[in-house]
Amino acid sequence: MKRLNYQNGQLDAIDEKILRMLVENARISVANLSRSIGLSPPSVAERVKRLEEAGVITGYAALIDPAAAGLPISAWLRIRPVPGMLDRVVEIIRSIPEITECDRVTGEDCFLARAHLETVGDMERIIDKIIPYAMTNTSVIQSSPVKRRLPPLPVNNAD
């Protein structure tokens, strides 16, 4: 991944504001973005382009509410493969479309996966695919008091 090639490879306050606004609304126009930031549209477009080229912005997406789309149950699955089955478990996790994200983590478990499901029976079916090769522990999500958001960014405030 390329590092930013300006400001000693660090984000500045304007970059941070651009990123926050794009996370809040990825469909915002360059004109509206530039008005909010106080720079010309070409300047904002160039900054966005540099953030994309540097790998800071990796894409734009529509956010979907799984419950509104007919998947009212969301769960976190903690997955610990039995010895020698790590690669097989990765294959299985990748093959399950209800698992929408999965991270390899430190600690007792190897993987933390998020699934969106229509029924408890669907959860059981998914777990049944995994348990011949791994131990699982599942937590149903009741609510999400902190939605996905931009993390604190290391911003160079030196002007």
C-alpha atoms as a PDB file:
ATOM      1  CA  MET A   1       0.000   0.000   0.000  1.00  0.00           C
ATOM      2  CA  LYS A   2       1.302   3.432  -0.902  1.00  0.00           C
ATOM      3  CA  ARG A   3       1.720   5.993   1.839  1.00  0.00           C
ATOM      4  CA  LEU A   4       0.317   9.458   1.390  1.00  0.00           C
ATOM      5  CA  ASN A   5       2.850  11.453  -0.593  1.00  0.00           C
ATOM      6  CA  TYR A   6       2.142  14.799   0.997  1.00  0.00           C
ATOM      7  CA  GLN A   7       2.479  16.300   4.470  1.00  0.00           C
ATOM      8  CA  ASN A   8       5.124  13.730   5.478  1.00  0.00           C
ATOM      9  CA  GLY A   9       2.714  10.863   4.829  1.00  0.00           C
ATOM     10  CA  GLN A  10       0.206  12.063   7.416  1.00  0.00           C
ATOM     11  CA  LEU A  11      -3.375  13.169   7.197  1.00  0.00           C
ATOM     12  CA  ASP A  12      -4.138  16.776   7.944  1.00  0.00           C
ATOM     13  CA  ALA A  13      -7.303  18.279   9.415  1.00  0.00           C
ATOM     14  CA  ILE A  14      -8.830  18.805   5.959  1.00  0.00           C
ATOM     15  CA  ASP A  15      -8.218  15.157   5.003  1.00  0.00           C
ATOM     16  CA  GLU A  16      -9.837  14.092   8.257  1.00  0.00           C
ATOM     17  CA  LYS A  17     -12.891  16.258   7.577  1.00  0.00           C
ATOM     18  CA  ILE A  18     -13.184  14.843   4.043  1.00  0.00           C
ATOM     19  CA  LEU A  19     -12.986  11.285   5.399  1.00  0.00           C
ATOM     20  CA  ARG A  20     -15.561  11.926   8.116  1.00  0.00           C
ATOM     21  CA  MET A  21     -17.979  13.466   5.640  1.00  0.00           C
ATOM     22  CA  LEU A  22     -17.519  10.598   3.166  1.00  0.00           C
ATOM     23  CA  VAL A  23     -18.076   8.012   5.921  1.00  0.00           C
ATOM     24  CA  GLU A  24     -21.261   9.835   6.915  1.00  0.00           C
ATOM     25  CA  ASN A  25     -22.462  10.120   3.295  1.00  0.00           C
ATOM     26  CA  ALA A  26     -20.386   8.466   0.572  1.00  0.00           C
ATOM     27  CA  ARG A  27     -22.727   9.915  -2.054  1.00  0.00           C
ATOM     28  CA  ILE A  28     -21.986  13.539  -1.165  1.00  0.00           C
ATOM     29  CA  SER A  29     -21.058  15.538  -4.246  1.00  0.00           C
ATOM     30  CA  VAL A  30     -17.645  17.141  -4.592  1.00  0.00           C
ATOM     31  CA  ALA A  31     -19.445  20.496  -4.773  1.00  0.00           C
ATOM     32  CA  ASN A  32     -21.176  19.955  -1.422  1.00  0.00           C
ATOM     33  CA  LEU A  33     -17.997  18.532   0.098  1.00  0.00           C
ATOM     34  CA  SER A  34     -16.018  21.567  -1.057  1.00  0.00           C
ATOM     35  CA  ARG A  35     -18.644  24.006   0.284  1.00  0.00           C
ATOM     36  CA  SER A  36     -18.558  22.304   3.701  1.00  0.00           C
ATOM     37  CA  ILE A  37     -14.772  22.293   3.836  1.00  0.00           C
ATOM     38  CA  GLY A  38     -14.163  25.711   2.308  1.00  0.00           C
ATOM     39  CA  LEU A  39     -11.940  24.615  -0.581  1.00  0.00           C
ATOM     40  CA  SER A  40     -12.534  24.702  -4.314  1.00  0.00           C
ATOM     41  CA  PRO A  41     -14.076  21.621  -5.935  1.00  0.00           C
ATOM     42  CA  PRO A  42     -10.867  20.824  -7.880  1.00  0.00           C
ATOM     43  CA  SER A  43      -8.831  20.973  -4.637  1.00  0.00           C
ATOM     44  CA  VAL A  44     -11.250  18.637  -2.851  1.00  0.00           C
ATOM     45  CA  ALA A  45     -11.379  16.263  -5.833  1.00  0.00           C
ATOM     46  CA  GLU A  46      -7.575  16.125  -5.884  1.00  0.00           C
ATOM     47  CA  ARG A  47      -7.422  15.369  -2.154  1.00  0.00           C
ATOM     48  CA  VAL A  48      -9.997  12.590  -2.518  1.00  0.00           C
ATOM     49  CA  LYS A  49      -8.022  11.178  -5.446  1.00  0.00           C
ATOM     50  CA  ARG A  50      -4.792  11.205  -3.382  1.00  0.00           C
ATOM     51  CA  LEU A  51      -6.559   9.514  -0.449  1.00  0.00           C
ATOM     52  CA  GLU A  52      -7.802   6.825  -2.852  1.00  0.00           C
ATOM     53  CA  GLU A  53      -4.375   6.358  -4.452  1.00  0.00           C
ATOM     54  CA  ALA A  54      -2.742   6.119  -1.028  1.00  0.00           C
ATOM     55  CA  GLY A  55      -5.140   3.340  -0.029  1.00  0.00           C
ATOM     56  CA  VAL A  56      -6.788   5.374   2.738  1.00  0.00           C
ATOM     57  CA  ILE A  57     -10.100   5.293   0.866  1.00  0.00           C
ATOM     58  CA  THR A  58     -10.574   1.745  -0.387  1.00  0.00           C
ATOM     59  CA  GLY A  59     -14.094   2.026  -1.803  1.00  0.00           C
ATOM     60  CA  TYR A  60     -17.602   3.356  -1.439  1.00  0.00           C
ATOM     61  CA  ALA A  61     -20.588   1.289  -0.336  1.00  0.00           C
ATOM     62  CA  ALA A  62     -24.285   1.326   0.433  1.00  0.00           C
ATOM     63  CA  LEU A  63     -25.039   0.370   4.036  1.00  0.00           C
ATOM     64  CA  ILE A  64     -27.938  -2.032   4.424  1.00  0.00           C
ATOM     65  CA  ASP A  65     -29.997  -2.790   7.525  1.00  0.00           C
ATOM     66  CA  PRO A  66     -30.126  -6.618   7.576  1.00  0.00           C
ATOM     67  CA  ALA A  67     -33.274  -6.645   9.754  1.00  0.00           C
ATOM     68  CA  ALA A  68     -35.133  -4.381   7.318  1.00  0.00           C
ATOM     69  CA  ALA A  69     -34.003  -6.714   4.500  1.00  0.00           C
ATOM     70  CA  GLY A  70     -35.544  -9.748   6.230  1.00  0.00           C
ATOM     71  CA  LEU A  71     -32.616 -10.921   8.360  1.00  0.00           C
ATOM     72  CA  PRO A  72     -33.706 -10.030  11.915  1.00  0.00           C
ATOM     73  CA  ILE A  73     -31.088 -12.117  13.743  1.00  0.00           C
ATOM     74  CA  SER A  74     -27.455 -11.041  13.848  1.00  0.00           C
ATOM     75  CA  ALA A  75     -24.802 -12.940  15.759  1.00  0.00           C
ATOM     76  CA  TRP A  76     -21.101 -13.047  16.491  1.00  0.00           C
ATOM     77  CA  LEU A  77     -19.504 -16.474  16.226  1.00  0.00           C
ATOM     78  CA  ARG A  78     -16.248 -17.120  18.002  1.00  0.00           C
ATOM     79  CA  ILE A  79     -14.532 -19.975  16.195  1.00  0.00           C
ATOM     80  CA  ARG A  80     -11.592 -22.084  17.389  1.00  0.00           C
ATOM     81  CA  PRO A  81     -10.417 -24.656  14.803  1.00  0.00           C
ATOM     82  CA  VAL A  82      -9.267 -28.057  16.028  1.00  0.00           C
ATOM     83  CA  PRO A  83      -5.535 -28.636  15.412  1.00  0.00           C
ATOM     84  CA  GLY A  84      -4.715 -28.966  11.733  1.00  0.00           C
ATOM     85  CA  MET A  85      -8.078 -27.645  10.509  1.00  0.00           C
ATOM     86  CA  LEU A  86      -7.402 -23.912  10.263  1.00  0.00           C
ATOM     87  CA  ASP A  87      -7.366 -23.801   6.450  1.00  0.00           C
ATOM     88  CA  ARG A  88     -10.475 -26.005   6.203  1.00  0.00           C
ATOM     89  CA  VAL A  89     -12.326 -23.719   8.638  1.00  0.00           C
ATOM     90  CA  VAL A  90     -11.367 -20.677   6.546  1.00  0.00           C
ATOM     91  CA  GLU A  91     -12.805 -22.400   3.455  1.00  0.00           C
ATOM     92  CA  ILE A  92     -16.044 -23.193   5.293  1.00  0.00           C
ATOM     93  CA  ILE A  93     -16.419 -19.662   6.672  1.00  0.00           C
ATOM     94  CA  ARG A  94     -15.862 -18.189   3.198  1.00  0.00           C
ATOM     95  CA  SER A  95     -18.504 -20.514   1.742  1.00  0.00           C
ATOM     96  CA  ILE A  96     -21.276 -19.379   4.115  1.00  0.00           C
ATOM     97  CA  PRO A  97     -22.995 -16.321   2.605  1.00  0.00           C
ATOM     98  CA  GLU A  98     -24.711 -15.413   5.895  1.00  0.00           C
ATOM     99  CA  ILE A  99     -21.260 -14.671   7.352  1.00  0.00           C
ATOM    100  CA  THR A 100     -20.701 -11.114   6.202  1.00  0.00           C
ATOM    101  CA  GLU A 101     -17.359 -10.451   7.862  1.00  0.00           C
ATOM    102  CA  CYS A 102     -14.728 -12.429   9.685  1.00  0.00           C
ATOM    103  CA  ASP A 103     -11.488 -11.468  11.384  1.00  0.00           C
ATOM    104  CA  ARG A 104      -8.623 -13.644  12.543  1.00  0.00           C
ATOM    105  CA  VAL A 105      -8.004 -12.615  16.139  1.00  0.00           C
ATOM    106  CA  THR A 106      -5.624 -13.279  19.004  1.00  0.00           C
ATOM    107  CA  GLY A 107      -6.710 -15.049  22.155  1.00  0.00           C
ATOM    108  CA  GLU A 108      -8.379 -18.396  22.674  1.00  0.00           C
ATOM    109  CA  ASP A 109     -10.412 -18.205  19.484  1.00  0.00           C
ATOM    110  CA  CYS A 110      -8.902 -17.831  16.027  1.00  0.00           C
ATOM    111  CA  PHE A 111     -11.820 -16.177  14.279  1.00  0.00           C
ATOM    112  CA  LEU A 112     -14.594 -13.731  15.078  1.00  0.00           C
ATOM    113  CA  ALA A 113     -17.342 -13.841  12.445  1.00  0.00           C
ATOM    114  CA  ARG A 114     -20.542 -11.827  12.057  1.00  0.00           C
ATOM    115  CA  ALA A 115     -23.595 -13.499  10.596  1.00  0.00           C
ATOM    116  CA  HIS A 116     -27.010 -12.152   9.595  1.00  0.00           C
ATOM    117  CA  LEU A 117     -29.812 -14.700   9.680  1.00  0.00           C
ATOM    118  CA  GLU A 118     -33.514 -15.119   9.075  1.00  0.00           C
ATOM    119  CA  THR A 119     -34.133 -17.759  11.776  1.00  0.00           C
ATOM    120  CA  VAL A 120     -32.495 -19.514  14.707  1.00  0.00           C
ATOM    121  CA  GLY A 121     -32.629 -22.623  12.526  1.00  0.00           C
ATOM    122  CA  ASP A 122     -30.329 -20.863  10.054  1.00  0.00           C
ATOM    123  CA  MET A 123     -27.882 -20.227  12.888  1.00  0.00           C
ATOM    124  CA  GLU A 124     -27.983 -23.907  13.827  1.00  0.00           C
ATOM    125  CA  ARG A 125     -27.336 -24.911  10.188  1.00  0.00           C
ATOM    126  CA  ILE A 126     -24.283 -22.639  10.008  1.00  0.00           C
ATOM    127  CA  ILE A 127     -22.883 -23.893  13.304  1.00  0.00           C
ATOM    128  CA  ASP A 128     -23.427 -27.487  12.156  1.00  0.00           C
ATOM    129  CA  LYS A 129     -21.221 -26.801   9.096  1.00  0.00           C
ATOM    130  CA  ILE A 130     -18.405 -25.536  11.313  1.00  0.00           C
ATOM    131  CA  ILE A 131     -18.423 -27.816  14.369  1.00  0.00           C
ATOM    132  CA  PRO A 132     -16.880 -30.901  12.733  1.00  0.00           C
ATOM    133  CA  TYR A 133     -13.726 -28.776  12.332  1.00  0.00           C
ATOM    134  CA  ALA A 134     -13.898 -26.172  15.112  1.00  0.00           C
ATOM    135  CA  MET A 135     -15.407 -25.274  18.447  1.00  0.00           C
ATOM    136  CA  THR A 136     -17.838 -22.374  18.347  1.00  0.00           C
ATOM    137  CA  ASN A 137     -19.367 -19.956  20.803  1.00  0.00           C
ATOM    138  CA  THR A 138     -22.208 -17.806  19.511  1.00  0.00           C
ATOM    139  CA  SER A 139     -23.590 -14.541  20.843  1.00  0.00           C
ATOM    140  CA  VAL A 140     -26.816 -13.126  19.415  1.00  0.00           C
ATOM    141  CA  ILE A 141     -26.637  -9.372  18.970  1.00  0.00           C
ATOM    142  CA  GLN A 142     -29.387  -7.610  20.924  1.00  0.00           C
ATOM    143  CA  SER A 143     -28.533  -4.088  19.809  1.00  0.00           C
ATOM    144  CA  SER A 144     -25.579  -2.061  18.565  1.00  0.00           C
ATOM    145  CA  PRO A 145     -25.050   1.028  20.739  1.00  0.00           C
ATOM    146  CA  VAL A 146     -22.004   1.992  18.653  1.00  0.00           C
ATOM    147  CA  LYS A 147     -22.524   1.675  14.904  1.00  0.00           C
ATOM    148  CA  ARG A 148     -19.573   1.232  12.545  1.00  0.00           C
ATOM    149  CA  ARG A 149     -17.650   4.488  12.512  1.00  0.00           C
ATOM    150  CA  LEU A 150     -14.370   6.035  11.526  1.00  0.00           C
ATOM    151  CA  PRO A 151     -11.618   5.386  14.112  1.00  0.00           C
ATOM    152  CA  PRO A 152      -9.551   8.230  15.551  1.00  0.00           C
ATOM    153  CA  LEU A 153      -7.113   9.251  12.824  1.00  0.00           C
ATOM    154  CA  PRO A 154      -3.521  10.315  13.365  1.00  0.00           C
ATOM    155  CA  VAL A 155      -3.798  13.867  12.088  1.00  0.00           C
ATOM    156  CA  ASN A 156      -0.865  16.209  11.557  1.00  0.00           C
ATOM    157  CA  ASN A 157      -2.119  19.522  12.976  1.00  0.00           C
ATOM    158  CA  ALA A 158       1.130  21.361  12.288  1.00  0.00           C
ATOM    159  CA  ASP A 159       0.541  24.217   9.869  1.00  0.00           C
END
